[in-house]
């Protein structure tokens, strides 16, 4: 019976002969101790009637795990690359619908970020919500003007495309500048007051974007030419949308001083109210028809005198 040293020496001779015949060939060396251990374990398992399973070594397991990690998720590039911004839109339809549902049905005690974003904020939903709101407000405003002026012979309908530009500027500035200011303020207060928590910039933008969804169906219903209905709809929309923001940011600012906490929440609600009322007043103006005053022509008295001959 050959000893392990004889086997190792024979393996070395076979490898030398292979390299001499083909210098480009590669060889695989197995440790005698590992071979002996594996063979002994396999023989013992076979003697007990068990299935023989070969386990990978620790090095092979580590290489497999690292290859799966690198193959499943590649490291993101710099902010100038497409891969960097692609991660902000890494969301599926089910998640977007769940977040839209949470934005139209706010419940007390349910934080939008904690219960719906779950540390995975996105820009896909807020971007398309803002784009849809821009066109819904502009188109519904044109239709509202046309319906309110219907029957007026002096009115000639002209599509007001400039309203799309105005709506885009107002809505996107609100959806970006207000979250930037709020995030900067909360970050500053977090540094001043250690017990104050905070959200990331992307989470703040995400909350504001989804909170605007309720205004899309509301702007479509604003076409109905009844002022009492329009103001009722705007109050309902402001209550729903504002509740999402208050329930989300109040847990962050409530540990601050009472004056600062109340002032922050009031500012959030006031800015949100100004956006809703401003869109309603500008894009859905009610035409007031002033009846033209009838001009009275004074009677002309003509006196006929007989002509003398």
C-alpha atoms as a PDB file:
ATOM      1  CA  UNK A   1       0.000   0.000   0.000  1.00  0.00           C
ATOM      2  CA  UNK A   2       1.384   3.368  -1.013  1.00  0.00           C
ATOM      3  CA  UNK A   3       1.992   5.959   1.661  1.00  0.00           C
ATOM      4  CA  UNK A   4       0.794   9.592   1.353  1.00  0.00           C
ATOM      5  CA  UNK A   5       4.340  10.693   0.615  1.00  0.00           C
ATOM      6  CA  UNK A   6       4.543   8.270  -2.335  1.00  0.00           C
ATOM      7  CA  UNK A   7       1.237   9.617  -3.668  1.00  0.00           C
ATOM      8  CA  UNK A   8       2.435  13.204  -3.340  1.00  0.00           C
ATOM      9  CA  UNK A   9       5.702  12.382  -5.114  1.00  0.00           C
ATOM     10  CA  UNK A  10       3.849  10.562  -7.900  1.00  0.00           C
ATOM     11  CA  UNK A  11       1.542  13.582  -8.331  1.00  0.00           C
ATOM     12  CA  UNK A  12       4.569  15.858  -8.631  1.00  0.00           C
ATOM     13  CA  UNK A  13       6.098  13.635 -11.347  1.00  0.00           C
ATOM     14  CA  UNK A  14       2.853  13.582 -13.341  1.00  0.00           C
ATOM     15  CA  UNK A  15       2.624  17.371 -13.138  1.00  0.00           C
ATOM     16  CA  UNK A  16       6.241  17.747 -14.291  1.00  0.00           C
ATOM     17  CA  UNK A  17       5.620  15.438 -17.275  1.00  0.00           C
ATOM     18  CA  UNK A  18       2.465  17.401 -18.203  1.00  0.00           C
ATOM     19  CA  UNK A  19       4.249  20.748 -18.062  1.00  0.00           C
ATOM     20  CA  UNK A  20       7.112  19.447 -20.157  1.00  0.00           C
ATOM     21  CA  UNK A  21       4.678  18.199 -22.823  1.00  0.00           C
ATOM     22  CA  UNK A  22       2.450  21.307 -22.750  1.00  0.00           C
ATOM     23  CA  UNK A  23       3.895  24.404 -21.023  1.00  0.00           C
ATOM     24  CA  UNK A  24       0.518  26.190 -21.181  1.00  0.00           C
ATOM     25  CA  UNK A  25      -1.331  23.534 -19.225  1.00  0.00           C
ATOM     26  CA  UNK A  26      -2.538  24.181 -15.692  1.00  0.00           C
ATOM     27  CA  UNK A  27      -2.384  21.745 -12.809  1.00  0.00           C
ATOM     28  CA  UNK A  28      -4.511  21.288  -9.692  1.00  0.00           C
ATOM     29  CA  UNK A  29      -2.903  20.083  -6.508  1.00  0.00           C
ATOM     30  CA  UNK A  30      -4.907  18.548  -3.679  1.00  0.00           C
ATOM     31  CA  UNK A  31      -3.652  18.306  -0.160  1.00  0.00           C
ATOM     32  CA  UNK A  32      -3.154  14.783   1.137  1.00  0.00           C
ATOM     33  CA  UNK A  33      -4.637  15.602   4.500  1.00  0.00           C
ATOM     34  CA  UNK A  34      -7.789  17.075   2.919  1.00  0.00           C
ATOM     35  CA  UNK A  35      -8.043  14.081   0.582  1.00  0.00           C
ATOM     36  CA  UNK A  36      -7.625  11.650   3.436  1.00  0.00           C
ATOM     37  CA  UNK A  37     -10.186  13.447   5.581  1.00  0.00           C
ATOM     38  CA  UNK A  38     -12.736  13.649   2.781  1.00  0.00           C
ATOM     39  CA  UNK A  39     -12.212  10.022   1.820  1.00  0.00           C
ATOM     40  CA  UNK A  40     -12.552   8.850   5.414  1.00  0.00           C
ATOM     41  CA  UNK A  41     -15.766  10.846   5.928  1.00  0.00           C
ATOM     42  CA  UNK A  42     -17.236   9.574   2.670  1.00  0.00           C
ATOM     43  CA  UNK A  43     -16.386   5.982   3.575  1.00  0.00           C
ATOM     44  CA  UNK A  44     -17.955   6.341   7.013  1.00  0.00           C
ATOM     45  CA  UNK A  45     -21.104   7.813   5.517  1.00  0.00           C
ATOM     46  CA  UNK A  46     -21.291   5.046   2.933  1.00  0.00           C
ATOM     47  CA  UNK A  47     -20.925   2.452   5.663  1.00  0.00           C
ATOM     48  CA  UNK A  48     -23.901   3.918   7.523  1.00  0.00           C
ATOM     49  CA  UNK A  49     -25.975   3.911   4.314  1.00  0.00           C
ATOM     50  CA  UNK A  50     -26.173   7.707   4.145  1.00  0.00           C
ATOM     51  CA  UNK A  51     -25.958   9.848   1.057  1.00  0.00           C
ATOM     52  CA  UNK A  52     -22.501  11.184   0.374  1.00  0.00           C
ATOM     53  CA  UNK A  53     -22.350  14.968  -0.063  1.00  0.00           C
ATOM     54  CA  UNK A  54     -19.234  16.849  -0.979  1.00  0.00           C
ATOM     55  CA  UNK A  55     -18.851  20.228   0.704  1.00  0.00           C
ATOM     56  CA  UNK A  56     -16.956  23.105  -0.773  1.00  0.00           C
ATOM     57  CA  UNK A  57     -13.903  24.307   1.021  1.00  0.00           C
ATOM     58  CA  UNK A  58     -13.891  27.606   2.856  1.00  0.00           C
ATOM     59  CA  UNK A  59     -11.937  29.310   0.102  1.00  0.00           C
ATOM     60  CA  UNK A  60     -14.387  28.160  -2.562  1.00  0.00           C
ATOM     61  CA  UNK A  61     -17.357  29.269  -0.455  1.00  0.00           C
ATOM     62  CA  UNK A  62     -15.803  32.675   0.032  1.00  0.00           C
ATOM     63  CA  UNK A  63     -15.148  33.023  -3.685  1.00  0.00           C
ATOM     64  CA  UNK A  64     -18.723  31.997  -4.461  1.00  0.00           C
ATOM     65  CA  UNK A  65     -20.203  34.511  -2.019  1.00  0.00           C
ATOM     66  CA  UNK A  66     -18.053  37.335  -3.331  1.00  0.00           C
ATOM     67  CA  UNK A  67     -18.941  36.494  -6.933  1.00  0.00           C
ATOM     68  CA  UNK A  68     -22.658  36.496  -6.079  1.00  0.00           C
ATOM     69  CA  UNK A  69     -22.309  39.846  -4.321  1.00  0.00           C
ATOM     70  CA  UNK A  70     -20.494  41.462  -7.201  1.00  0.00           C
ATOM     71  CA  UNK A  71     -22.784  39.898  -9.763  1.00  0.00           C
ATOM     72  CA  UNK A  72     -26.024  40.841  -7.981  1.00  0.00           C
ATOM     73  CA  UNK A  73     -25.242  44.473  -7.203  1.00  0.00           C
ATOM     74  CA  UNK A  74     -22.598  46.539  -8.876  1.00  0.00           C
ATOM     75  CA  UNK A  75     -21.104  49.488  -7.070  1.00  0.00           C
ATOM     76  CA  UNK A  76     -22.702  52.796  -8.039  1.00  0.00           C
ATOM     77  CA  UNK A  77     -20.603  55.310  -9.933  1.00  0.00           C
ATOM     78  CA  UNK A  78     -20.195  59.013  -9.393  1.00  0.00           C
ATOM     79  CA  UNK A  79     -22.990  61.553  -9.505  1.00  0.00           C
ATOM     80  CA  UNK A  80     -22.165  62.312 -13.147  1.00  0.00           C
ATOM     81  CA  UNK A  81     -22.971  58.747 -14.232  1.00  0.00           C
ATOM     82  CA  UNK A  82     -26.314  57.278 -15.240  1.00  0.00           C
ATOM     83  CA  UNK A  83     -26.020  54.450 -12.699  1.00  0.00           C
ATOM     84  CA  UNK A  84     -25.953  56.946  -9.847  1.00  0.00           C
ATOM     85  CA  UNK A  85     -29.398  58.357 -10.725  1.00  0.00           C
ATOM     86  CA  UNK A  86     -30.787  54.977 -11.737  1.00  0.00           C
ATOM     87  CA  UNK A  87     -30.869  53.926  -8.087  1.00  0.00           C
ATOM     88  CA  UNK A  88     -33.353  56.733  -7.341  1.00  0.00           C
ATOM     89  CA  UNK A  89     -35.872  55.132  -9.728  1.00  0.00           C
ATOM     90  CA  UNK A  90     -35.393  51.568  -8.454  1.00  0.00           C
ATOM     91  CA  UNK A  91     -39.034  50.982  -7.487  1.00  0.00           C
ATOM     92  CA  UNK A  92     -41.788  48.741  -8.810  1.00  0.00           C
ATOM     93  CA  UNK A  93     -45.465  49.370  -9.500  1.00  0.00           C
ATOM     94  CA  UNK A  94     -46.677  47.739  -6.287  1.00  0.00           C
ATOM     95  CA  UNK A  95     -44.535  50.044  -4.149  1.00  0.00           C
ATOM     96  CA  UNK A  96     -45.661  53.151  -6.038  1.00  0.00           C
ATOM     97  CA  UNK A  97     -49.344  52.214  -5.697  1.00  0.00           C
ATOM     98  CA  UNK A  98     -48.883  51.539  -1.989  1.00  0.00           C
ATOM     99  CA  UNK A  99     -47.317  54.960  -1.503  1.00  0.00           C
ATOM    100  CA  UNK A 100     -50.035  56.668  -3.531  1.00  0.00           C
ATOM    101  CA  UNK A 101     -52.638  54.897  -1.404  1.00  0.00           C
ATOM    102  CA  UNK A 102     -50.888  56.051   1.743  1.00  0.00           C
ATOM    103  CA  UNK A 103     -50.836  59.653   0.504  1.00  0.00           C
ATOM    104  CA  UNK A 104     -54.618  59.793  -0.053  1.00  0.00           C
ATOM    105  CA  UNK A 105     -55.559  57.895   3.118  1.00  0.00           C
ATOM    106  CA  UNK A 106     -53.429  59.274   5.963  1.00  0.00           C
ATOM    107  CA  UNK A 107     -54.120  57.649   9.305  1.00  0.00           C
ATOM    108  CA  UNK A 108     -53.221  59.071  12.730  1.00  0.00           C
ATOM    109  CA  UNK A 109     -50.082  57.526  14.111  1.00  0.00           C
ATOM    110  CA  UNK A 110     -48.869  56.230  10.727  1.00  0.00           C
ATOM    111  CA  UNK A 111     -45.754  58.011   9.560  1.00  0.00           C
ATOM    112  CA  UNK A 112     -45.554  58.045   5.756  1.00  0.00           C
ATOM    113  CA  UNK A 113     -41.787  57.558   5.725  1.00  0.00           C
ATOM    114  CA  UNK A 114     -41.747  54.773   8.309  1.00  0.00           C
ATOM    115  CA  UNK A 115     -44.739  52.821   6.984  1.00  0.00           C
ATOM    116  CA  UNK A 116     -44.508  53.347   3.212  1.00  0.00           C
ATOM    117  CA  UNK A 117     -41.001  54.401   2.180  1.00  0.00           C
ATOM    118  CA  UNK A 118     -39.249  51.939   4.506  1.00  0.00           C
ATOM    119  CA  UNK A 119     -35.768  53.384   3.900  1.00  0.00           C
ATOM    120  CA  UNK A 120     -36.259  53.121   0.132  1.00  0.00           C
ATOM    121  CA  UNK A 121     -37.320  56.575  -1.120  1.00  0.00           C
ATOM    122  CA  UNK A 122     -37.684  57.110  -4.839  1.00  0.00           C
ATOM    123  CA  UNK A 123     -38.003  59.937  -7.336  1.00  0.00           C
ATOM    124  CA  UNK A 124     -40.044  57.983  -9.880  1.00  0.00           C
ATOM    125  CA  UNK A 125     -43.400  58.577  -8.196  1.00  0.00           C
ATOM    126  CA  UNK A 126     -42.849  62.246  -7.264  1.00  0.00           C
ATOM    127  CA  UNK A 127     -41.565  63.106 -10.756  1.00  0.00           C
ATOM    128  CA  UNK A 128     -44.521  61.637 -12.628  1.00  0.00           C
ATOM    129  CA  UNK A 129     -46.997  62.972 -10.087  1.00  0.00           C
ATOM    130  CA  UNK A 130     -45.669  66.497 -10.649  1.00  0.00           C
ATOM    131  CA  UNK A 131     -45.726  66.080 -14.444  1.00  0.00           C
ATOM    132  CA  UNK A 132     -49.285  64.747 -14.390  1.00  0.00           C
ATOM    133  CA  UNK A 133     -50.398  67.541 -12.065  1.00  0.00           C
ATOM    134  CA  UNK A 134     -48.917  70.173 -14.371  1.00  0.00           C
ATOM    135  CA  UNK A 135     -50.918  68.985 -17.376  1.00  0.00           C
ATOM    136  CA  UNK A 136     -54.094  68.260 -15.408  1.00  0.00           C
ATOM    137  CA  UNK A 137     -54.136  71.758 -13.904  1.00  0.00           C
ATOM    138  CA  UNK A 138     -53.366  73.500 -17.215  1.00  0.00           C
ATOM    139  CA  UNK A 139     -55.818  71.469 -19.330  1.00  0.00           C
ATOM    140  CA  UNK A 140     -58.582  71.545 -16.738  1.00  0.00           C
ATOM    141  CA  UNK A 141     -58.119  75.301 -16.389  1.00  0.00           C
ATOM    142  CA  UNK A 142     -58.565  75.809 -20.132  1.00  0.00           C
ATOM    143  CA  UNK A 143     -61.692  73.649 -20.168  1.00  0.00           C
ATOM    144  CA  UNK A 144     -63.071  75.501 -17.168  1.00  0.00           C
ATOM    145  CA  UNK A 145     -62.585  78.843 -18.896  1.00  0.00           C
ATOM    146  CA  UNK A 146     -64.234  77.543 -22.065  1.00  0.00           C
ATOM    147  CA  UNK A 147     -67.264  76.213 -20.176  1.00  0.00           C
ATOM    148  CA  UNK A 148     -67.687  79.378 -18.143  1.00  0.00           C
ATOM    149  CA  UNK A 149     -67.578  81.550 -21.282  1.00  0.00           C
ATOM    150  CA  UNK A 150     -69.911  79.329 -23.255  1.00  0.00           C
ATOM    151  CA  UNK A 151     -72.822  81.341 -24.555  1.00  0.00           C
ATOM    152  CA  UNK A 152     -70.896  84.595 -24.580  1.00  0.00           C
ATOM    153  CA  UNK A 153     -70.928  85.833 -28.192  1.00  0.00           C
ATOM    154  CA  UNK A 154     -67.986  88.154 -27.557  1.00  0.00           C
ATOM    155  CA  UNK A 155     -65.718  85.297 -26.407  1.00  0.00           C
ATOM    156  CA  UNK A 156     -63.427  83.498 -28.844  1.00  0.00           C
ATOM    157  CA  UNK A 157     -61.672  80.411 -27.502  1.00  0.00           C
ATOM    158  CA  UNK A 158     -57.883  80.419 -27.718  1.00  0.00           C
ATOM    159  CA  UNK A 159     -55.735  77.637 -26.215  1.00  0.00           C
ATOM    160  CA  UNK A 160     -53.612  79.140 -23.477  1.00  0.00           C
ATOM    161  CA  UNK A 161     -50.434  77.092 -23.724  1.00  0.00           C
ATOM    162  CA  UNK A 162     -48.549  79.466 -21.472  1.00  0.00           C
ATOM    163  CA  UNK A 163     -50.487  78.012 -18.557  1.00  0.00           C
ATOM    164  CA  UNK A 164     -48.553  74.752 -18.939  1.00  0.00           C
ATOM    165  CA  UNK A 165     -45.285  76.630 -18.460  1.00  0.00           C
ATOM    166  CA  UNK A 166     -46.588  78.549 -15.467  1.00  0.00           C
ATOM    167  CA  UNK A 167     -47.964  75.395 -13.850  1.00  0.00           C
ATOM    168  CA  UNK A 168     -44.666  73.548 -14.413  1.00  0.00           C
ATOM    169  CA  UNK A 169     -42.603  76.342 -12.874  1.00  0.00           C
ATOM    170  CA  UNK A 170     -44.847  76.724  -9.827  1.00  0.00           C
ATOM    171  CA  UNK A 171     -45.328  73.030  -9.081  1.00  0.00           C
ATOM    172  CA  UNK A 172     -41.734  71.914  -9.619  1.00  0.00           C
ATOM    173  CA  UNK A 173     -40.339  74.852  -7.668  1.00  0.00           C
ATOM    174  CA  UNK A 174     -42.648  74.007  -4.799  1.00  0.00           C
ATOM    175  CA  UNK A 175     -41.831  70.287  -4.968  1.00  0.00           C
ATOM    176  CA  UNK A 176     -38.074  70.997  -4.817  1.00  0.00           C
ATOM    177  CA  UNK A 177     -37.398  74.328  -3.107  1.00  0.00           C
ATOM    178  CA  UNK A 178     -39.688  73.792  -0.126  1.00  0.00           C
ATOM    179  CA  UNK A 179     -38.230  70.332   0.683  1.00  0.00           C
ATOM    180  CA  UNK A 180     -34.712  71.753   0.314  1.00  0.00           C
ATOM    181  CA  UNK A 181     -35.493  74.538   2.771  1.00  0.00           C
ATOM    182  CA  UNK A 182     -37.229  72.215   5.216  1.00  0.00           C
ATOM    183  CA  UNK A 183     -34.457  69.625   5.047  1.00  0.00           C
ATOM    184  CA  UNK A 184     -31.811  72.293   5.613  1.00  0.00           C
ATOM    185  CA  UNK A 185     -33.720  73.698   8.578  1.00  0.00           C
ATOM    186  CA  UNK A 186     -34.193  70.278  10.175  1.00  0.00           C
ATOM    187  CA  UNK A 187     -30.523  69.464   9.606  1.00  0.00           C
ATOM    188  CA  UNK A 188     -29.519  72.703  11.299  1.00  0.00           C
ATOM    189  CA  UNK A 189     -31.845  72.063  14.229  1.00  0.00           C
ATOM    190  CA  UNK A 190     -30.515  68.520  14.485  1.00  0.00           C
ATOM    191  CA  UNK A 191     -27.038  69.960  14.989  1.00  0.00           C
ATOM    192  CA  UNK A 192     -28.256  72.542  17.501  1.00  0.00           C
ATOM    193  CA  UNK A 193     -30.508  70.180  19.453  1.00  0.00           C
ATOM    194  CA  UNK A 194     -29.044  66.694  19.823  1.00  0.00           C
ATOM    195  CA  UNK A 195     -32.401  65.089  20.566  1.00  0.00           C
ATOM    196  CA  UNK A 196     -33.898  66.288  17.283  1.00  0.00           C
ATOM    197  CA  UNK A 197     -34.134  63.602  14.603  1.00  0.00           C
ATOM    198  CA  UNK A 198     -34.343  64.134  10.881  1.00  0.00           C
ATOM    199  CA  UNK A 199     -34.921  62.691   7.446  1.00  0.00           C
ATOM    200  CA  UNK A 200     -32.682  62.540   4.431  1.00  0.00           C
ATOM    201  CA  UNK A 201     -33.108  64.981   1.574  1.00  0.00           C
ATOM    202  CA  UNK A 202     -34.458  62.262  -0.721  1.00  0.00           C
ATOM    203  CA  UNK A 203     -37.048  61.204   1.861  1.00  0.00           C
ATOM    204  CA  UNK A 204     -38.229  64.801   2.261  1.00  0.00           C
ATOM    205  CA  UNK A 205     -38.611  65.290  -1.487  1.00  0.00           C
ATOM    206  CA  UNK A 206     -40.391  61.952  -1.772  1.00  0.00           C
ATOM    207  CA  UNK A 207     -42.972  62.869   0.879  1.00  0.00           C
ATOM    208  CA  UNK A 208     -43.743  66.219  -0.771  1.00  0.00           C
ATOM    209  CA  UNK A 209     -44.046  64.617  -4.199  1.00  0.00           C
ATOM    210  CA  UNK A 210     -46.524  61.942  -3.121  1.00  0.00           C
ATOM    211  CA  UNK A 211     -48.525  64.449  -1.055  1.00  0.00           C
ATOM    212  CA  UNK A 212     -49.423  66.293  -4.291  1.00  0.00           C
ATOM    213  CA  UNK A 213     -51.199  63.294  -5.810  1.00  0.00           C
ATOM    214  CA  UNK A 214     -54.589  64.200  -4.316  1.00  0.00           C
ATOM    215  CA  UNK A 215     -54.610  67.413  -6.375  1.00  0.00           C
ATOM    216  CA  UNK A 216     -54.679  65.481  -9.664  1.00  0.00           C
ATOM    217  CA  UNK A 217     -58.287  64.222  -9.358  1.00  0.00           C
ATOM    218  CA  UNK A 218     -59.208  67.440  -7.571  1.00  0.00           C
ATOM    219  CA  UNK A 219     -58.040  69.587 -10.496  1.00  0.00           C
ATOM    220  CA  UNK A 220     -60.110  67.472 -12.889  1.00  0.00           C
ATOM    221  CA  UNK A 221     -63.222  67.960 -10.741  1.00  0.00           C
ATOM    222  CA  UNK A 222     -62.587  71.705 -10.691  1.00  0.00           C
ATOM    223  CA  UNK A 223     -63.942  71.773 -14.255  1.00  0.00           C
ATOM    224  CA  UNK A 224     -67.469  71.611 -12.811  1.00  0.00           C
ATOM    225  CA  UNK A 225     -68.619  75.255 -12.886  1.00  0.00           C
ATOM    226  CA  UNK A 226     -69.886  75.522  -9.296  1.00  0.00           C
ATOM    227  CA  UNK A 227     -67.857  77.660  -6.963  1.00  0.00           C
ATOM    228  CA  UNK A 228     -69.179  76.064  -3.788  1.00  0.00           C
ATOM    229  CA  UNK A 229     -68.152  72.631  -5.090  1.00  0.00           C
ATOM    230  CA  UNK A 230     -64.687  73.854  -6.065  1.00  0.00           C
ATOM    231  CA  UNK A 231     -64.006  75.350  -2.649  1.00  0.00           C
ATOM    232  CA  UNK A 232     -65.305  72.200  -0.944  1.00  0.00           C
ATOM    233  CA  UNK A 233     -62.968  70.051  -3.045  1.00  0.00           C
ATOM    234  CA  UNK A 234     -59.994  72.281  -2.327  1.00  0.00           C
ATOM    235  CA  UNK A 235     -60.635  72.151   1.415  1.00  0.00           C
ATOM    236  CA  UNK A 236     -60.836  68.355   1.345  1.00  0.00           C
ATOM    237  CA  UNK A 237     -57.676  68.080  -0.771  1.00  0.00           C
ATOM    238  CA  UNK A 238     -55.763  70.453   1.508  1.00  0.00           C
ATOM    239  CA  UNK A 239     -56.872  68.521   4.595  1.00  0.00           C
ATOM    240  CA  UNK A 240     -55.753  65.168   3.149  1.00  0.00           C
ATOM    241  CA  UNK A 241     -52.484  66.400   1.668  1.00  0.00           C
ATOM    242  CA  UNK A 242     -51.609  68.549   4.650  1.00  0.00           C
ATOM    243  CA  UNK A 243     -52.271  65.654   7.028  1.00  0.00           C
ATOM    244  CA  UNK A 244     -49.625  63.579   5.244  1.00  0.00           C
ATOM    245  CA  UNK A 245     -47.030  66.291   5.818  1.00  0.00           C
ATOM    246  CA  UNK A 246     -48.023  67.032   9.404  1.00  0.00           C
ATOM    247  CA  UNK A 247     -48.115  63.363  10.452  1.00  0.00           C
ATOM    248  CA  UNK A 248     -44.705  62.865   8.856  1.00  0.00           C
ATOM    249  CA  UNK A 249     -42.782  65.870  10.157  1.00  0.00           C
ATOM    250  CA  UNK A 250     -44.414  66.426  13.538  1.00  0.00           C
ATOM    251  CA  UNK A 251     -42.618  63.457  15.177  1.00  0.00           C
ATOM    252  CA  UNK A 252     -39.341  65.036  14.056  1.00  0.00           C
ATOM    253  CA  UNK A 253     -39.945  68.566  15.386  1.00  0.00           C
ATOM    254  CA  UNK A 254     -42.006  67.840  18.484  1.00  0.00           C
ATOM    255  CA  UNK A 255     -38.855  67.283  20.583  1.00  0.00           C
ATOM    256  CA  UNK A 256     -37.657  70.761  19.703  1.00  0.00           C
ATOM    257  CA  UNK A 257     -38.762  73.867  21.558  1.00  0.00           C
ATOM    258  CA  UNK A 258     -42.500  74.440  21.518  1.00  0.00           C
ATOM    259  CA  UNK A 259     -42.285  77.667  19.547  1.00  0.00           C
ATOM    260  CA  UNK A 260     -40.002  76.185  16.902  1.00  0.00           C
ATOM    261  CA  UNK A 261     -42.086  73.035  16.541  1.00  0.00           C
ATOM    262  CA  UNK A 262     -45.367  74.898  16.113  1.00  0.00           C
ATOM    263  CA  UNK A 263     -43.826  77.479  13.778  1.00  0.00           C
ATOM    264  CA  UNK A 264     -42.368  74.743  11.561  1.00  0.00           C
ATOM    265  CA  UNK A 265     -45.663  72.886  11.228  1.00  0.00           C
ATOM    266  CA  UNK A 266     -47.611  76.102  10.608  1.00  0.00           C
ATOM    267  CA  UNK A 267     -45.149  77.117   7.880  1.00  0.00           C
ATOM    268  CA  UNK A 268     -45.524  73.739   6.186  1.00  0.00           C
ATOM    269  CA  UNK A 269     -49.332  74.021   6.223  1.00  0.00           C
ATOM    270  CA  UNK A 270     -49.372  77.659   5.069  1.00  0.00           C
ATOM    271  CA  UNK A 271     -47.088  77.029   2.089  1.00  0.00           C
ATOM    272  CA  UNK A 272     -49.163  74.021   1.114  1.00  0.00           C
ATOM    273  CA  UNK A 273     -52.348  76.083   1.364  1.00  0.00           C
ATOM    274  CA  UNK A 274     -50.898  78.901  -0.742  1.00  0.00           C
ATOM    275  CA  UNK A 275     -50.071  76.444  -3.517  1.00  0.00           C
ATOM    276  CA  UNK A 276     -53.600  75.020  -3.620  1.00  0.00           C
ATOM    277  CA  UNK A 277     -55.410  78.359  -3.412  1.00  0.00           C
ATOM    278  CA  UNK A 278     -53.019  79.987  -5.894  1.00  0.00           C
ATOM    279  CA  UNK A 279     -53.639  77.262  -8.499  1.00  0.00           C
ATOM    280  CA  UNK A 280     -57.377  77.535  -8.005  1.00  0.00           C
ATOM    281  CA  UNK A 281     -57.481  81.323  -8.268  1.00  0.00           C
ATOM    282  CA  UNK A 282     -55.222  81.555 -11.311  1.00  0.00           C
ATOM    283  CA  UNK A 283     -56.234  78.566 -13.421  1.00  0.00           C
ATOM    284  CA  UNK A 284     -59.925  78.354 -12.491  1.00  0.00           C
ATOM    285  CA  UNK A 285     -61.188  81.894 -12.567  1.00  0.00           C
ATOM    286  CA  UNK A 286     -64.945  82.363 -12.730  1.00  0.00           C
ATOM    287  CA  UNK A 287     -65.960  84.651 -15.522  1.00  0.00           C
ATOM    288  CA  UNK A 288     -68.259  87.436 -14.417  1.00  0.00           C
ATOM    289  CA  UNK A 289     -70.568  88.617 -17.144  1.00  0.00           C
ATOM    290  CA  UNK A 290     -71.452  92.272 -16.836  1.00  0.00           C
ATOM    291  CA  UNK A 291     -74.506  93.125 -18.870  1.00  0.00           C
ATOM    292  CA  UNK A 292     -73.859  95.933 -21.259  1.00  0.00           C
ATOM    293  CA  UNK A 293     -75.760  99.075 -20.363  1.00  0.00           C
ATOM    294  CA  UNK A 294     -78.295  99.970 -22.979  1.00  0.00           C
ATOM    295  CA  UNK A 295     -77.582 103.349 -24.519  1.00  0.00           C
ATOM    296  CA  UNK A 296     -80.651 105.502 -24.736  1.00  0.00           C
ATOM    297  CA  UNK A 297     -80.870 107.654 -27.816  1.00  0.00           C
ATOM    298  CA  UNK A 298     -82.591 110.894 -27.030  1.00  0.00           C
ATOM    299  CA  UNK A 299     -85.590 111.542 -29.208  1.00  0.00           C
ATOM    300  CA  UNK A 300     -85.107 113.958 -32.050  1.00  0.00           C
ATOM    301  CA  UNK A 301     -87.832 116.501 -32.381  1.00  0.00           C
ATOM    302  CA  UNK A 302     -88.290 117.823 -35.839  1.00  0.00           C
ATOM    303  CA  UNK A 303     -90.435 120.876 -36.307  1.00  0.00           C
ATOM    304  CA  UNK A 304     -91.909 121.347 -39.723  1.00  0.00           C
ATOM    305  CA  UNK A 305     -92.773 124.897 -40.591  1.00  0.00           C
ATOM    306  CA  UNK A 306     -94.931 125.701 -43.594  1.00  0.00           C
ATOM    307  CA  UNK A 307     -93.031 127.164 -46.476  1.00  0.00           C
ATOM    308  CA  UNK A 308     -94.097 130.619 -47.375  1.00  0.00           C
ATOM    309  CA  UNK A 309     -94.670 131.462 -51.006  1.00  0.00           C
END
